[in-house]
Protein backbone atom coordinates (compact mmCIF):
# COMPACT_ATOMS: atom_id res chain seq x y z
CA MET A 1 20.55 -23.24 24.31
CA PRO A 2 20.01 -21.08 21.18
CA SER A 3 23.16 -19.79 19.54
CA ILE A 4 23.73 -16.07 19.84
CA ALA A 5 26.44 -15.34 17.33
CA ARG A 6 27.37 -12.35 15.24
CA LYS A 7 26.31 -12.46 11.60
CA PRO A 8 27.69 -9.33 9.85
CA GLY A 9 25.47 -7.21 7.61
CA LYS A 10 22.19 -8.43 9.05
CA ALA A 11 19.62 -6.89 11.37
CA LEU A 12 20.36 -7.16 15.09
CA TYR A 13 17.48 -9.65 15.29
CA GLU A 14 19.31 -12.01 12.93
CA ARG A 15 22.73 -11.40 14.47
CA LEU A 16 21.35 -12.38 17.87
CA GLY A 17 19.94 -15.61 16.45
CA GLY A 18 16.27 -14.75 15.94
CA HIS A 19 13.15 -15.21 18.03
CA ASP A 20 14.23 -18.25 20.05
CA ALA A 21 17.60 -16.75 21.00
CA ILE A 22 15.94 -13.47 22.01
CA GLY A 23 13.41 -15.48 24.03
CA ALA A 24 16.26 -17.23 25.86
CA LEU A 25 17.90 -13.87 26.50
CA VAL A 26 14.66 -12.45 27.91
CA ASP A 27 14.27 -15.53 30.13
CA GLU A 28 17.78 -14.99 31.51
CA LEU A 29 17.11 -11.29 32.07
CA LEU A 30 13.83 -11.98 33.88
CA ARG A 31 15.46 -14.70 35.99
CA ARG A 32 18.12 -12.23 37.12
CA MET A 33 15.59 -9.50 37.88
CA ARG A 34 13.34 -11.87 39.85
CA ALA A 35 16.33 -12.90 41.96
CA ASP A 36 17.19 -9.27 42.77
CA PRO A 37 15.46 -7.97 45.95
CA MET A 38 15.36 -4.51 44.36
CA PHE A 39 12.67 -5.76 41.98
CA ALA A 40 10.61 -7.79 44.49
CA ARG A 41 7.87 -5.15 44.59
CA PHE A 42 7.12 -5.74 40.89
CA GLY A 43 6.52 -9.49 41.15
CA GLY A 44 3.62 -9.77 43.54
CA GLY A 45 0.00 -10.24 42.62
CA ARG A 46 0.56 -11.52 39.09
CA SER A 47 -0.85 -14.79 37.83
CA ILE A 48 1.32 -17.25 35.94
CA ASP A 49 -0.62 -16.34 32.79
CA SER A 50 0.01 -12.63 33.32
CA THR A 51 3.71 -13.27 33.87
CA ARG A 52 3.93 -15.36 30.68
CA ARG A 53 2.02 -12.73 28.73
CA GLY A 54 4.40 -10.02 29.92
CA ARG A 55 7.34 -12.15 28.82
CA GLU A 56 5.81 -12.65 25.37
CA PHE A 57 5.19 -8.92 25.03
CA LEU A 58 8.82 -8.23 25.89
CA VAL A 59 10.09 -10.83 23.42
CA SER A 60 7.88 -9.51 20.60
CA GLN A 61 8.86 -5.92 21.35
CA ILE A 62 12.58 -6.70 21.27
CA CYS A 63 12.17 -8.79 18.13
CA GLU A 64 10.38 -5.92 16.37
CA LEU A 65 12.79 -3.24 17.59
CA SER A 66 15.80 -5.31 16.53
CA GLY A 67 14.54 -5.71 12.97
CA GLY A 68 12.70 -9.00 13.21
CA PRO A 69 9.33 -9.96 11.75
CA SER A 70 7.41 -9.73 15.05
CA VAL A 71 4.86 -7.02 15.72
CA TYR A 72 4.52 -5.64 19.26
CA TYR A 73 0.86 -5.20 20.18
CA GLY A 74 1.39 -4.09 23.77
CA ARG A 75 0.88 -0.68 25.28
CA ASP A 76 3.33 2.17 24.87
CA MET A 77 6.04 2.25 27.54
CA LYS A 78 4.73 5.30 29.38
CA THR A 79 1.29 3.70 29.78
CA ALA A 80 2.67 0.24 30.60
CA HIS A 81 4.98 1.55 33.34
CA GLY A 82 2.96 4.55 34.53
CA GLY A 83 2.38 4.65 38.26
CA LEU A 84 5.06 2.07 39.07
CA GLY A 85 7.39 4.77 40.36
CA ILE A 86 10.45 3.23 38.71
CA THR A 87 13.52 5.00 40.08
CA PRO A 88 16.79 5.83 38.34
CA ALA A 89 18.50 3.23 40.56
CA GLU A 90 16.02 0.55 39.47
CA TRP A 91 16.53 1.53 35.85
CA GLU A 92 20.31 1.27 36.16
CA ALA A 93 19.98 -2.11 37.89
CA SER A 94 17.78 -3.36 35.04
CA ILE A 95 20.42 -2.25 32.53
CA ARG A 96 23.10 -4.08 34.55
CA HIS A 97 20.96 -7.22 34.51
CA THR A 98 20.47 -6.81 30.77
CA ALA A 99 24.23 -6.53 30.25
CA ALA A 100 24.81 -9.59 32.45
CA ALA A 101 22.23 -11.61 30.48
CA LEU A 102 23.96 -10.61 27.24
CA ASP A 103 27.32 -11.60 28.74
CA HIS A 104 25.82 -14.95 29.80
CA PHE A 105 25.23 -15.70 26.12
CA LYS A 106 28.58 -14.20 25.07
CA VAL A 107 26.95 -11.58 22.85
CA PRO A 108 29.68 -9.55 21.09
CA ALA A 109 30.27 -5.96 22.21
CA LYS A 110 28.71 -4.35 19.12
CA GLU A 111 25.46 -6.29 19.46
CA LYS A 112 25.44 -5.78 23.23
CA LYS A 113 25.65 -2.02 22.74
CA GLU A 114 22.87 -2.08 20.13
CA PHE A 115 20.67 -4.25 22.33
CA ILE A 116 21.04 -2.02 25.38
CA ALA A 117 20.27 1.00 23.17
CA LEU A 118 16.87 -0.60 22.44
CA PHE A 119 16.07 -0.20 26.15
CA GLU A 120 17.77 3.16 26.68
CA ARG A 121 15.47 4.85 24.17
CA TYR A 122 12.62 4.36 26.69
CA ARG A 123 14.36 5.64 29.83
CA ASN A 124 12.44 8.92 29.96
CA GLU A 125 9.10 7.15 29.41
CA ILE A 126 9.70 4.54 32.13
CA VAL A 127 11.63 6.25 34.95
CA GLU A 128 9.30 8.36 37.09
CA ALA A 129 11.07 9.09 40.33
């Protein structure tokens, strides 16, 4: 398991442990969301390749937003999530799963807050209902 440890004075990307650690964090987050019946409607009809591609987009986006060398080439969040009808309750559940994934890796409070803020900036572009 990649180490997720605080390294003061560095970008969040580095403090989290870089690409592989962020990838492990995304895997844990996605595992939790797939296990939650609230998100079942989002999992159907996707090929394994499409699922993997979505994971890679999420990893690259988080790496870029957290100050890493990755470049996110995916769609903007409004376009990517448009028409899904994501509700405030689903959004809050996704944030809880994010926090739980961070806790799983014992991410310190400061980095946890910064990481969740990366998602929160997109709330108004993603939540529709």
